[in-house]
Amino acid sequence: MPTLQSLPRSGTWECLQNSRNEAAIATLSTGLASQNGPLRLSCLKTLSRRSEPQARLAILSNWEHFGAEDREYLRTISQRFVEVAERLLRTGTVTEKQIALDVILDLELADAIEPVLHCVLDSQHALQEQAVKTLHQLCEHWGLLARTGKIVPGRTHVLDRLYAHLINYAEHKNGDLVGAWLRLAHWDDAYHRGFVSDPWHDAYQCMLLQLRESRHPSILQLLAGYVHRHSTPAGVLKILMERTEPELAYQIAQLIDDRTLGPTLRRLRELPQFPCFLGGTVCELEASQLVERRRYLLLAATSDELEPVLKAALELSKIGSSSGRTTAAEMLSHCKQHSLEDLVAKIQVAGLKHWPEPQIDELLVEAAAWVHSPSQPLKGAAVEFFVDFTLKRLLQEARRWPTQMSKAMASVVKVIERDVEETLCEELQSPAPKRRLAALQVTQILGAIEVVSHELLPLLHDPRLEVRVRMIDVLSALGFEELETLLPKLLDDASTDIQDAARRAERRLTRSKPRPPQSAAGISS
């Protein structure tokens, strides 16, 4: 029968529309393949109103000819095609079964899911691969909607049918059903909570394996949603701490909102780090500024090491925007706490050799400069973060720390505290010998000899021997010229310790003097 290419005359068309004769179905069916959109849609609407199974079968047989407007109309009456789609998928030819799978996918026929599941479970079925693709696409679509708070009619029915088959996982061991489940599940689904919490369930290991290895966005999203849930099963939490893909970090940042951000940051600070945040940029995914901000904050909260946090924060602070500076400041505020001793030890180790990339020592020094930043967010965050890096704390710790640790701390303190004269002078005049000794050491480490020079020479006559010895060593190490005039007297001091210190000073001062250039005659001789 030739295809209709234009609407028949009004009388003929009215007759076709109103006819109960089954012969009219064949005539109307030819219009379904027409390239004339209005004609095709009119025939489609007329056939869809007929109750005969042949009318619906005719619609399905012409599925490939339908455009977007046709399919949009069919979705409004999708339930009319459940029975015929199921029947075709169970008993039709291979071509008819292919059409049925396309119809079930396009119309999202949740009530027709059972024959799709049977195709997926039948390893010998000619259309198993297409059935798996159909099932996964539907479950992904419904799952994404449910996870964003949408009501999805039919999703519960599909969950029930999947659950019924997964109960018998030991018999079929079909990982595609598990993949469908993970695409469809919501964190609060009772069935799902049972599956991921029950190591004795037959499908448990397969489920965790896919959570551990799959890079499918829908499965990564499901995994990501467990970050801020305190009821997360231990097995799932372990996977979160193992996976390194930046895509997972992206999914976590997308799921967080203003309500859950604070609790999530606190939770991450309590847990071992999630390595997915340590991989730099989000793998070519286009993230909004809001998502990127969350990702930076999550990085700060989860990282056990301070280096990646400081690197990212310093980069953000230099991009020239107030939002970048604010996020950089927030990173410093939300990172895991590190003790003063821990940070100083890291600075000391980093300074032992030259590194190609900036290490913790350089990064901390650069971040410490934020204390003097005109940006209030940066300044406030730095003041809070470096609260222990004060001159008074350095003077206190210098009494018990090795010199190298004091030097490490001083590298940051001298950036933060620019006016040290008053505090150092006060300590150099302290009646406590240990405090005077510590002040001497810190003065030397900070390179502040000239600032407090008027307080140093009197210490050569300090009543405590160890202070006088230390003073001689400090002044000679710095090449203090006035010390040279005092050496004869010091060499004749009654204390052998003073004499030894004076001889050391004499050698240092001699070595520090520039040698006179040799004459040509002297060289030739």
Foldseek 3Di string as FASTA:
>chain_A
DAADADDDPPVVNVCLLPDPDPVSLVNLLSPCQYPPQVSNLVSLVSLLPHDDPVSLVSCLVSVVRDDPVNLVVCLVVVVSCLVVLLCCCVDNDPVSVVSSLVSCQSSVVLVNLVSLVVLCLDPPRPCNVVSLVSLQNSLLVQQVCVQVPHDDPNLVVNVVSLLVVQQVCVPRVRLSSLSSCLSNDDPPPPSVLVQCQDPPRPCNVSNLVCLLDPPPLSNLLRLLVCLLPPSDHPSSVVSQQVDQALSSLLSNLVSDDPVRLVSSLVSLLVDAARNNLVPPDNPPDDDDPSSVLSSLLNCQSNDPDCVSNLVCLVVLCPPPDLVSPLSSLSSLVSHHDDDPLRLLVQLLVCPPDDDPDDGSLVSLQVLLLLCVPPNPSSNVSNCVNCVCLEPVNLLVCLLPDDLSSSLSSLSNHCSNDVDCLVVLLVQCPDPDPSSVLSSLSSCLSNVVCVSHVVSLPVQCVPPDPVSVLSSLQSCLQVLPPVVVVVLVVQCPDPDVSSVVSSVVSVVSNVVPDDDDDDDPVVVVD
